[in-house]
């Protein structure tokens, strides 16, 4: 785990940009119809 996270967390990414983009990326590839239904359900 220590070696793995040393490489994984060593990737510098802008936190605030990816905070929004991660959910966008996930929900778009989930499929827009399912994403809308899920958000309403939540």
ModelCIF file with pLDDT and N, C-alpha, C, O atoms, coordinates in Angstrom:
data_MODEL
#
_entry.id   MODEL 
#
_entity.id                         1 
_entity.type                       polymer 
_entity.pdbx_number_of_molecules   1 
#
_entity_poly.entity_id                      1 
_entity_poly.type                           'polypeptide(L)' 
_entity_poly.nstd_linkage                   no 
_entity_poly.nstd_monomer                   no 
_entity_poly.pdbx_seq_one_letter_code       
;(UNK)(UNK)(UNK)(UNK)(UNK)(UNK)(UNK)(UNK)(UNK)(UNK)(UNK)(UNK)(UNK)(UNK)(UNK)(UNK)
(UNK)(UNK)(UNK)(UNK)(UNK)(UNK)(UNK)(UNK)(UNK)(UNK)(UNK)(UNK)(UNK)(UNK)(UNK)(UNK)
(UNK)(UNK)(UNK)(UNK)(UNK)(UNK)(UNK)(UNK)(UNK)(UNK)
;
_entity_poly.pdbx_seq_one_letter_code_can   XXXXXXXXXXXXXXXXXXXXXXXXXXXXXXXXXXXXXXXXXX 
_entity_poly.pdbx_strand_id                 A 
#
loop_
_entity_poly_seq.entity_id 
_entity_poly_seq.num 
_entity_poly_seq.mon_id 
_entity_poly_seq.hetero 
1 1  UNK n 
1 2  UNK n 
1 3  UNK n 
1 4  UNK n 
1 5  UNK n 
1 6  UNK n 
1 7  UNK n 
1 8  UNK n 
1 9  UNK n 
1 10 UNK n 
1 11 UNK n 
1 12 UNK n 
1 13 UNK n 
1 14 UNK n 
1 15 UNK n 
1 16 UNK n 
1 17 UNK n 
1 18 UNK n 
1 19 UNK n 
1 20 UNK n 
1 21 UNK n 
1 22 UNK n 
1 23 UNK n 
1 24 UNK n 
1 25 UNK n 
1 26 UNK n 
1 27 UNK n 
1 28 UNK n 
1 29 UNK n 
1 30 UNK n 
1 31 UNK n 
1 32 UNK n 
1 33 UNK n 
1 34 UNK n 
1 35 UNK n 
1 36 UNK n 
1 37 UNK n 
1 38 UNK n 
1 39 UNK n 
1 40 UNK n 
1 41 UNK n 
1 42 UNK n 
#
_struct_asym.id          A 
_struct_asym.entity_id   1 
#
loop_
_ma_qa_metric.id 
_ma_qa_metric.mode 
_ma_qa_metric.name 
_ma_qa_metric.software_group_id 
_ma_qa_metric.type 
1 global pLDDT . pLDDT 
2 local  pLDDT . pLDDT 
#
_ma_qa_metric_global.metric_id      1 
_ma_qa_metric_global.metric_value   90.88 
_ma_qa_metric_global.model_id       1 
_ma_qa_metric_global.ordinal_id     1 
#
loop_
_ma_qa_metric_local.label_asym_id 
_ma_qa_metric_local.label_comp_id 
_ma_qa_metric_local.label_seq_id 
_ma_qa_metric_local.metric_id 
_ma_qa_metric_local.metric_value 
_ma_qa_metric_local.model_id 
_ma_qa_metric_local.ordinal_id 
A UNK 1  2 94.00 1 1  
A UNK 2  2 94.00 1 2  
A UNK 3  2 94.00 1 3  
A UNK 4  2 93.00 1 4  
A UNK 5  2 90.00 1 5  
A UNK 6  2 89.00 1 6  
A UNK 7  2 86.00 1 7  
A UNK 8  2 83.00 1 8  
A UNK 9  2 81.00 1 9  
A UNK 10 2 77.00 1 10 
A UNK 11 2 75.00 1 11 
A UNK 12 2 76.00 1 12 
A UNK 13 2 77.00 1 13 
A UNK 14 2 79.00 1 14 
A UNK 15 2 84.00 1 15 
A UNK 16 2 85.00 1 16 
A UNK 17 2 85.00 1 17 
A UNK 18 2 88.00 1 18 
A UNK 19 2 90.00 1 19 
A UNK 20 2 91.00 1 20 
A UNK 21 2 92.00 1 21 
A UNK 22 2 93.00 1 22 
A UNK 23 2 94.00 1 23 
A UNK 24 2 95.00 1 24 
A UNK 25 2 95.00 1 25 
A UNK 26 2 96.00 1 26 
A UNK 27 2 97.00 1 27 
A UNK 28 2 97.00 1 28 
A UNK 29 2 97.00 1 29 
A UNK 30 2 97.00 1 30 
A UNK 31 2 97.00 1 31 
A UNK 32 2 97.00 1 32 
A UNK 33 2 96.00 1 33 
A UNK 34 2 97.00 1 34 
A UNK 35 2 97.00 1 35 
A UNK 36 2 97.00 1 36 
A UNK 37 2 96.00 1 37 
A UNK 38 2 97.00 1 38 
A UNK 39 2 96.00 1 39 
A UNK 40 2 95.00 1 40 
A UNK 41 2 94.00 1 41 
A UNK 42 2 94.00 1 42 
#
loop_
_atom_site.group_PDB 
_atom_site.id 
_atom_site.type_symbol 
_atom_site.label_atom_id 
_atom_site.label_alt_id 
_atom_site.label_comp_id 
_atom_site.label_asym_id 
_atom_site.label_entity_id 
_atom_site.label_seq_id 
_atom_site.pdbx_PDB_ins_code 
_atom_site.Cartn_x 
_atom_site.Cartn_y 
_atom_site.Cartn_z 
_atom_site.occupancy 
_atom_site.B_iso_or_equiv 
_atom_site.pdbx_formal_charge 
_atom_site.auth_seq_id 
_atom_site.auth_comp_id 
_atom_site.auth_asym_id 
_atom_site.auth_atom_id 
_atom_site.pdbx_PDB_model_num 
ATOM 1   N N  . UNK A 1 1  ? 0.834   -1.206 0.000   1.00 94.00 ? 1  UNK A N  1 
ATOM 2   C CA . UNK A 1 1  ? 0.000   0.000  0.000   1.00 94.00 ? 1  UNK A CA 1 
ATOM 3   C C  . UNK A 1 1  ? 0.872   1.260  0.000   1.00 94.00 ? 1  UNK A C  1 
ATOM 4   O O  . UNK A 1 1  ? 0.580   2.223  -0.709  1.00 94.00 ? 1  UNK A O  1 
ATOM 5   N N  . UNK A 1 2  ? 1.937   1.245  0.795   1.00 94.00 ? 2  UNK A N  1 
ATOM 6   C CA . UNK A 1 2  ? 2.800   2.430  0.896   1.00 94.00 ? 2  UNK A CA 1 
ATOM 7   C C  . UNK A 1 2  ? 3.434   2.755  -0.461  1.00 94.00 ? 2  UNK A C  1 
ATOM 8   O O  . UNK A 1 2  ? 3.460   3.918  -0.864  1.00 94.00 ? 2  UNK A O  1 
ATOM 9   N N  . UNK A 1 3  ? 3.938   1.757  -1.159  1.00 94.00 ? 3  UNK A N  1 
ATOM 10  C CA . UNK A 1 3  ? 4.541   1.992  -2.475  1.00 94.00 ? 3  UNK A CA 1 
ATOM 11  C C  . UNK A 1 3  ? 3.481   2.444  -3.472  1.00 94.00 ? 3  UNK A C  1 
ATOM 12  O O  . UNK A 1 3  ? 3.699   3.382  -4.239  1.00 94.00 ? 3  UNK A O  1 
ATOM 13  N N  . UNK A 1 4  ? 2.327   1.767  -3.456  1.00 93.00 ? 4  UNK A N  1 
ATOM 14  C CA . UNK A 1 4  ? 1.246   2.082  -4.391  1.00 93.00 ? 4  UNK A CA 1 
ATOM 15  C C  . UNK A 1 4  ? 0.778   3.520  -4.232  1.00 93.00 ? 4  UNK A C  1 
ATOM 16  O O  . UNK A 1 4  ? 0.658   4.251  -5.216  1.00 93.00 ? 4  UNK A O  1 
ATOM 17  N N  . UNK A 1 5  ? 0.514   3.926  -2.997  1.00 90.00 ? 5  UNK A N  1 
ATOM 18  C CA . UNK A 1 5  ? 0.020   5.277  -2.772  1.00 90.00 ? 5  UNK A CA 1 
ATOM 19  C C  . UNK A 1 5  ? 1.095   6.326  -3.020  1.00 90.00 ? 5  UNK A C  1 
ATOM 20  O O  . UNK A 1 5  ? 0.787   7.475  -3.337  1.00 90.00 ? 5  UNK A O  1 
ATOM 21  N N  . UNK A 1 6  ? 2.365   5.928  -2.875  1.00 89.00 ? 6  UNK A N  1 
ATOM 22  C CA . UNK A 1 6  ? 3.446   6.861  -3.190  1.00 89.00 ? 6  UNK A CA 1 
ATOM 23  C C  . UNK A 1 6  ? 3.405   7.291  -4.646  1.00 89.00 ? 6  UNK A C  1 
ATOM 24  O O  . UNK A 1 6  ? 3.683   8.445  -4.971  1.00 89.00 ? 6  UNK A O  1 
ATOM 25  N N  . UNK A 1 7  ? 3.054   6.348  -5.528  1.00 86.00 ? 7  UNK A N  1 
ATOM 26  C CA . UNK A 1 7  ? 2.917   6.688  -6.947  1.00 86.00 ? 7  UNK A CA 1 
ATOM 27  C C  . UNK A 1 7  ? 1.564   7.338  -7.234  1.00 86.00 ? 7  UNK A C  1 
ATOM 28  O O  . UNK A 1 7  ? 1.481   8.337  -7.948  1.00 86.00 ? 7  UNK A O  1 
ATOM 29  N N  . UNK A 1 8  ? 0.502   6.751  -6.663  1.00 83.00 ? 8  UNK A N  1 
ATOM 30  C CA . UNK A 1 8  ? -0.845  7.229  -6.984  1.00 83.00 ? 8  UNK A CA 1 
ATOM 31  C C  . UNK A 1 8  ? -1.074  8.657  -6.483  1.00 83.00 ? 8  UNK A C  1 
ATOM 32  O O  . UNK A 1 8  ? -1.502  9.524  -7.245  1.00 83.00 ? 8  UNK A O  1 
ATOM 33  N N  . UNK A 1 9  ? -0.790  8.895  -5.213  1.00 81.00 ? 9  UNK A N  1 
ATOM 34  C CA . UNK A 1 9  ? -1.022  10.225 -4.651  1.00 81.00 ? 9  UNK A CA 1 
ATOM 35  C C  . UNK A 1 9  ? 0.048   11.226 -5.078  1.00 81.00 ? 9  UNK A C  1 
ATOM 36  O O  . UNK A 1 9  ? -0.090  12.427 -4.844  1.00 81.00 ? 9  UNK A O  1 
ATOM 37  N N  . UNK A 1 10 ? 1.119   10.726 -5.709  1.00 77.00 ? 10 UNK A N  1 
ATOM 38  C CA . UNK A 1 10 ? 2.155   11.627 -6.194  1.00 77.00 ? 10 UNK A CA 1 
ATOM 39  C C  . UNK A 1 10 ? 1.766   12.360 -7.464  1.00 77.00 ? 10 UNK A C  1 
ATOM 40  O O  . UNK A 1 10 ? 2.441   13.306 -7.871  1.00 77.00 ? 10 UNK A O  1 
ATOM 41  N N  . UNK A 1 11 ? 0.673   11.925 -8.095  1.00 75.00 ? 11 UNK A N  1 
ATOM 42  C CA . UNK A 1 11 ? 0.181   12.624 -9.281  1.00 75.00 ? 11 UNK A CA 1 
ATOM 43  C C  . UNK A 1 11 ? -0.456  13.943 -8.854  1.00 75.00 ? 11 UNK A C  1 
ATOM 44  O O  . UNK A 1 11 ? -1.432  13.951 -8.103  1.00 75.00 ? 11 UNK A O  1 
ATOM 45  N N  . UNK A 1 12 ? 0.087   15.039 -9.325  1.00 76.00 ? 12 UNK A N  1 
ATOM 46  C CA . UNK A 1 12 ? -0.419  16.352 -8.930  1.00 76.00 ? 12 UNK A CA 1 
ATOM 47  C C  . UNK A 1 12 ? -1.631  16.715 -9.782  1.00 76.00 ? 12 UNK A C  1 
ATOM 48  O O  . UNK A 1 12 ? -1.525  16.842 -11.002 1.00 76.00 ? 12 UNK A O  1 
ATOM 49  N N  . UNK A 1 13 ? -2.767  16.877 -9.143  1.00 77.00 ? 13 UNK A N  1 
ATOM 50  C CA . UNK A 1 13 ? -3.985  17.284 -9.825  1.00 77.00 ? 13 UNK A CA 1 
ATOM 51  C C  . UNK A 1 13 ? -4.637  18.427 -9.041  1.00 77.00 ? 13 UNK A C  1 
ATOM 52  O O  . UNK A 1 13 ? -4.606  18.435 -7.810  1.00 77.00 ? 13 UNK A O  1 
ATOM 53  N N  . UNK A 1 14 ? -5.222  19.386 -9.751  1.00 79.00 ? 14 UNK A N  1 
ATOM 54  C CA . UNK A 1 14 ? -5.899  20.485 -9.088  1.00 79.00 ? 14 UNK A CA 1 
ATOM 55  C C  . UNK A 1 14 ? -7.155  19.998 -8.374  1.00 79.00 ? 14 UNK A C  1 
ATOM 56  O O  . UNK A 1 14 ? -8.074  19.493 -9.019  1.00 79.00 ? 14 UNK A O  1 
ATOM 57  N N  . UNK A 1 15 ? -7.205  20.143 -7.060  1.00 84.00 ? 15 UNK A N  1 
ATOM 58  C CA . UNK A 1 15 ? -8.291  19.561 -6.274  1.00 84.00 ? 15 UNK A CA 1 
ATOM 59  C C  . UNK A 1 15 ? -9.654  20.086 -6.704  1.00 84.00 ? 15 UNK A C  1 
ATOM 60  O O  . UNK A 1 15 ? -10.569 19.296 -6.936  1.00 84.00 ? 15 UNK A O  1 
ATOM 61  N N  . UNK A 1 16 ? -9.809  21.402 -6.815  1.00 85.00 ? 16 UNK A N  1 
ATOM 62  C CA . UNK A 1 16 ? -11.132 21.976 -7.069  1.00 85.00 ? 16 UNK A CA 1 
ATOM 63  C C  . UNK A 1 16 ? -11.627 21.666 -8.476  1.00 85.00 ? 16 UNK A C  1 
ATOM 64  O O  . UNK A 1 16 ? -12.826 21.482 -8.687  1.00 85.00 ? 16 UNK A O  1 
ATOM 65  N N  . UNK A 1 17 ? -10.717 21.608 -9.428  1.00 85.00 ? 17 UNK A N  1 
ATOM 66  C CA . UNK A 1 17 ? -11.132 21.242 -10.787 1.00 85.00 ? 17 UNK A CA 1 
ATOM 67  C C  . UNK A 1 17 ? -11.655 19.823 -10.823 1.00 85.00 ? 17 UNK A C  1 
ATOM 68  O O  . UNK A 1 17 ? -12.725 19.554 -11.370 1.00 85.00 ? 17 UNK A O  1 
ATOM 69  N N  . UNK A 1 18 ? -10.890 18.914 -10.233 1.00 88.00 ? 18 UNK A N  1 
ATOM 70  C CA . UNK A 1 18 ? -11.270 17.509 -10.289 1.00 88.00 ? 18 UNK A CA 1 
ATOM 71  C C  . UNK A 1 18 ? -12.422 17.179 -9.352  1.00 88.00 ? 18 UNK A C  1 
ATOM 72  O O  . UNK A 1 18 ? -13.110 16.178 -9.548  1.00 88.00 ? 18 UNK A O  1 
ATOM 73  N N  . UNK A 1 19 ? -12.639 18.003 -8.346  1.00 90.00 ? 19 UNK A N  1 
ATOM 74  C CA . UNK A 1 19 ? -13.783 17.803 -7.456  1.00 90.00 ? 19 UNK A CA 1 
ATOM 75  C C  . UNK A 1 19 ? -15.084 17.836 -8.249  1.00 90.00 ? 19 UNK A C  1 
ATOM 76  O O  . UNK A 1 19 ? -15.999 17.055 -7.987  1.00 90.00 ? 19 UNK A O  1 
ATOM 77  N N  . UNK A 1 20 ? -15.161 18.733 -9.208  1.00 91.00 ? 20 UNK A N  1 
ATOM 78  C CA . UNK A 1 20 ? -16.340 18.838 -10.066 1.00 91.00 ? 20 UNK A CA 1 
ATOM 79  C C  . UNK A 1 20 ? -16.265 17.840 -11.221 1.00 91.00 ? 20 UNK A C  1 
ATOM 80  O O  . UNK A 1 20 ? -17.249 17.183 -11.559 1.00 91.00 ? 20 UNK A O  1 
ATOM 81  N N  . UNK A 1 21 ? -15.083 17.742 -11.816 1.00 92.00 ? 21 UNK A N  1 
ATOM 82  C CA . UNK A 1 21 ? -14.971 16.949 -13.030 1.00 92.00 ? 21 UNK A CA 1 
ATOM 83  C C  . UNK A 1 21 ? -15.140 15.450 -12.775 1.00 92.00 ? 21 UNK A C  1 
ATOM 84  O O  . UNK A 1 21 ? -15.652 14.739 -13.640 1.00 92.00 ? 21 UNK A O  1 
ATOM 85  N N  . UNK A 1 22 ? -14.724 14.960 -11.616 1.00 93.00 ? 22 UNK A N  1 
ATOM 86  C CA . UNK A 1 22 ? -14.866 13.530 -11.327 1.00 93.00 ? 22 UNK A CA 1 
ATOM 87  C C  . UNK A 1 22 ? -16.335 13.098 -11.374 1.00 93.00 ? 22 UNK A C  1 
ATOM 88  O O  . UNK A 1 22 ? -16.665 12.096 -12.008 1.00 93.00 ? 22 UNK A O  1 
ATOM 89  N N  . UNK A 1 23 ? -17.204 13.839 -10.717 1.00 94.00 ? 23 UNK A N  1 
ATOM 90  C CA . UNK A 1 23 ? -18.620 13.482 -10.733 1.00 94.00 ? 23 UNK A CA 1 
ATOM 91  C C  . UNK A 1 23 ? -19.205 13.640 -12.130 1.00 94.00 ? 23 UNK A C  1 
ATOM 92  O O  . UNK A 1 23 ? -20.019 12.826 -12.566 1.00 94.00 ? 23 UNK A O  1 
ATOM 93  N N  . UNK A 1 24 ? -18.792 14.682 -12.822 1.00 95.00 ? 24 UNK A N  1 
ATOM 94  C CA . UNK A 1 24 ? -19.259 14.861 -14.201 1.00 95.00 ? 24 UNK A CA 1 
ATOM 95  C C  . UNK A 1 24 ? -18.838 13.671 -15.062 1.00 95.00 ? 24 UNK A C  1 
ATOM 96  O O  . UNK A 1 24 ? -19.653 13.104 -15.790 1.00 95.00 ? 24 UNK A O  1 
ATOM 97  N N  . UNK A 1 25 ? -17.576 13.300 -14.977 1.00 95.00 ? 25 UNK A N  1 
ATOM 98  C CA . UNK A 1 25 ? -17.040 12.195 -15.767 1.00 95.00 ? 25 UNK A CA 1 
ATOM 99  C C  . UNK A 1 25 ? -17.776 10.893 -15.449 1.00 95.00 ? 25 UNK A C  1 
ATOM 100 O O  . UNK A 1 25 ? -18.166 10.156 -16.355 1.00 95.00 ? 25 UNK A O  1 
ATOM 101 N N  . UNK A 1 26 ? -17.958 10.621 -14.182 1.00 96.00 ? 26 UNK A N  1 
ATOM 102 C CA . UNK A 1 26 ? -18.613 9.377  -13.769 1.00 96.00 ? 26 UNK A CA 1 
ATOM 103 C C  . UNK A 1 26 ? -20.057 9.323  -14.251 1.00 96.00 ? 26 UNK A C  1 
ATOM 104 O O  . UNK A 1 26 ? -20.491 8.308  -14.797 1.00 96.00 ? 26 UNK A O  1 
ATOM 105 N N  . UNK A 1 27 ? -20.800 10.403 -14.055 1.00 97.00 ? 27 UNK A N  1 
ATOM 106 C CA . UNK A 1 27 ? -22.225 10.392 -14.383 1.00 97.00 ? 27 UNK A CA 1 
ATOM 107 C C  . UNK A 1 27 ? -22.468 10.410 -15.890 1.00 97.00 ? 27 UNK A C  1 
ATOM 108 O O  . UNK A 1 27 ? -23.428 9.800  -16.360 1.00 97.00 ? 27 UNK A O  1 
ATOM 109 N N  . UNK A 1 28 ? -21.623 11.093 -16.654 1.00 97.00 ? 28 UNK A N  1 
ATOM 110 C CA . UNK A 1 28 ? -21.792 11.092 -18.108 1.00 97.00 ? 28 UNK A CA 1 
ATOM 111 C C  . UNK A 1 28 ? -21.590 9.689  -18.661 1.00 97.00 ? 28 UNK A C  1 
ATOM 112 O O  . UNK A 1 28 ? -22.349 9.249  -19.524 1.00 97.00 ? 28 UNK A O  1 
ATOM 113 N N  . UNK A 1 29 ? -20.573 8.981  -18.171 1.00 97.00 ? 29 UNK A N  1 
ATOM 114 C CA . UNK A 1 29 ? -20.317 7.634  -18.664 1.00 97.00 ? 29 UNK A CA 1 
ATOM 115 C C  . UNK A 1 29 ? -21.228 6.596  -18.009 1.00 97.00 ? 29 UNK A C  1 
ATOM 116 O O  . UNK A 1 29 ? -21.308 5.465  -18.488 1.00 97.00 ? 29 UNK A O  1 
ATOM 117 N N  . UNK A 1 30 ? -21.908 6.955  -16.934 1.00 97.00 ? 30 UNK A N  1 
ATOM 118 C CA . UNK A 1 30 ? -22.973 6.108  -16.422 1.00 97.00 ? 30 UNK A CA 1 
ATOM 119 C C  . UNK A 1 30 ? -24.131 6.063  -17.411 1.00 97.00 ? 30 UNK A C  1 
ATOM 120 O O  . UNK A 1 30 ? -24.853 5.069  -17.498 1.00 97.00 ? 30 UNK A O  1 
ATOM 121 N N  . UNK A 1 31 ? -24.297 7.149  -18.152 1.00 97.00 ? 31 UNK A N  1 
ATOM 122 C CA . UNK A 1 31 ? -25.416 7.299  -19.078 1.00 97.00 ? 31 UNK A CA 1 
ATOM 123 C C  . UNK A 1 31 ? -26.319 8.401  -18.577 1.00 97.00 ? 31 UNK A C  1 
ATOM 124 O O  . UNK A 1 31 ? -26.787 8.347  -17.440 1.00 97.00 ? 31 UNK A O  1 
ATOM 125 N N  . UNK A 1 32 ? -26.571 9.392  -19.398 1.00 97.00 ? 32 UNK A N  1 
ATOM 126 C CA . UNK A 1 32 ? -27.345 10.565 -18.962 1.00 97.00 ? 32 UNK A CA 1 
ATOM 127 C C  . UNK A 1 32 ? -28.736 10.207 -18.443 1.00 97.00 ? 32 UNK A C  1 
ATOM 128 O O  . UNK A 1 32 ? -29.156 10.789 -17.443 1.00 97.00 ? 32 UNK A O  1 
ATOM 129 N N  . UNK A 1 33 ? -29.482 9.277  -19.068 1.00 96.00 ? 33 UNK A N  1 
ATOM 130 C CA . UNK A 1 33 ? -30.804 8.929  -18.508 1.00 96.00 ? 33 UNK A CA 1 
ATOM 131 C C  . UNK A 1 33 ? -30.701 8.365  -17.097 1.00 96.00 ? 33 UNK A C  1 
ATOM 132 O O  . UNK A 1 33 ? -31.482 8.738  -16.223 1.00 96.00 ? 33 UNK A O  1 
ATOM 133 N N  . UNK A 1 34 ? -29.745 7.470  -16.868 1.00 97.00 ? 34 UNK A N  1 
ATOM 134 C CA . UNK A 1 34 ? -29.589 6.902  -15.523 1.00 97.00 ? 34 UNK A CA 1 
ATOM 135 C C  . UNK A 1 34 ? -29.071 7.948  -14.545 1.00 97.00 ? 34 UNK A C  1 
ATOM 136 O O  . UNK A 1 34 ? -29.454 7.949  -13.375 1.00 97.00 ? 34 UNK A O  1 
ATOM 137 N N  . UNK A 1 35 ? -28.200 8.843  -15.020 1.00 97.00 ? 35 UNK A N  1 
ATOM 138 C CA . UNK A 1 35 ? -27.673 9.883  -14.138 1.00 97.00 ? 35 UNK A CA 1 
ATOM 139 C C  . UNK A 1 35 ? -28.787 10.797 -13.641 1.00 97.00 ? 35 UNK A C  1 
ATOM 140 O O  . UNK A 1 35 ? -28.824 11.143 -12.461 1.00 97.00 ? 35 UNK A O  1 
ATOM 141 N N  . UNK A 1 36 ? -29.695 11.190 -14.535 1.00 97.00 ? 36 UNK A N  1 
ATOM 142 C CA . UNK A 1 36 ? -30.809 12.056 -14.141 1.00 97.00 ? 36 UNK A CA 1 
ATOM 143 C C  . UNK A 1 36 ? -31.721 11.322 -13.150 1.00 97.00 ? 36 UNK A C  1 
ATOM 144 O O  . UNK A 1 36 ? -32.114 11.884 -12.128 1.00 97.00 ? 36 UNK A O  1 
ATOM 145 N N  . UNK A 1 37 ? -32.051 10.070 -13.459 1.00 96.00 ? 37 UNK A N  1 
ATOM 146 C CA . UNK A 1 37 ? -32.904 9.291  -12.557 1.00 96.00 ? 37 UNK A CA 1 
ATOM 147 C C  . UNK A 1 37 ? -32.249 9.134  -11.191 1.00 96.00 ? 37 UNK A C  1 
ATOM 148 O O  . UNK A 1 37 ? -32.918 9.228  -10.161 1.00 96.00 ? 37 UNK A O  1 
ATOM 149 N N  . UNK A 1 38 ? -30.946 8.898  -11.183 1.00 97.00 ? 38 UNK A N  1 
ATOM 150 C CA . UNK A 1 38 ? -30.247 8.710  -9.914  1.00 97.00 ? 38 UNK A CA 1 
ATOM 151 C C  . UNK A 1 38 ? -30.244 10.002 -9.093  1.00 97.00 ? 38 UNK A C  1 
ATOM 152 O O  . UNK A 1 38 ? -30.494 9.967  -7.889  1.00 97.00 ? 38 UNK A O  1 
ATOM 153 N N  . UNK A 1 39 ? -29.967 11.126 -9.726  1.00 96.00 ? 39 UNK A N  1 
ATOM 154 C CA . UNK A 1 39 ? -29.943 12.386 -8.989  1.00 96.00 ? 39 UNK A CA 1 
ATOM 155 C C  . UNK A 1 39 ? -31.311 12.711 -8.393  1.00 96.00 ? 39 UNK A C  1 
ATOM 156 O O  . UNK A 1 39 ? -31.400 13.176 -7.257  1.00 96.00 ? 39 UNK A O  1 
ATOM 157 N N  . UNK A 1 40 ? -32.381 12.469 -9.161  1.00 95.00 ? 40 UNK A N  1 
ATOM 158 C CA . UNK A 1 40 ? -33.733 12.684 -8.633  1.00 95.00 ? 40 UNK A CA 1 
ATOM 159 C C  . UNK A 1 40 ? -33.992 11.730 -7.470  1.00 95.00 ? 40 UNK A C  1 
ATOM 160 O O  . UNK A 1 40 ? -34.568 12.119 -6.454  1.00 95.00 ? 40 UNK A O  1 
ATOM 161 N N  . UNK A 1 41 ? -33.564 10.478 -7.627  1.00 94.00 ? 41 UNK A N  1 
ATOM 162 C CA . UNK A 1 41 ? -33.741 9.505  -6.558  1.00 94.00 ? 41 UNK A CA 1 
ATOM 163 C C  . UNK A 1 41 ? -32.996 9.880  -5.295  1.00 94.00 ? 41 UNK A C  1 
ATOM 164 O O  . UNK A 1 41 ? -33.499 9.675  -4.191  1.00 94.00 ? 41 UNK A O  1 
ATOM 165 N N  . UNK A 1 42 ? -31.783 10.435 -5.449  1.00 94.00 ? 42 UNK A N  1 
ATOM 166 C CA . UNK A 1 42 ? -31.001 10.854 -4.281  1.00 94.00 ? 42 UNK A CA 1 
ATOM 167 C C  . UNK A 1 42 ? -31.699 11.994 -3.555  1.00 94.00 ? 42 UNK A C  1 
ATOM 168 O O  . UNK A 1 42 ? -31.193 12.484 -2.545  1.00 94.00 ? 42 UNK A O  1 
#
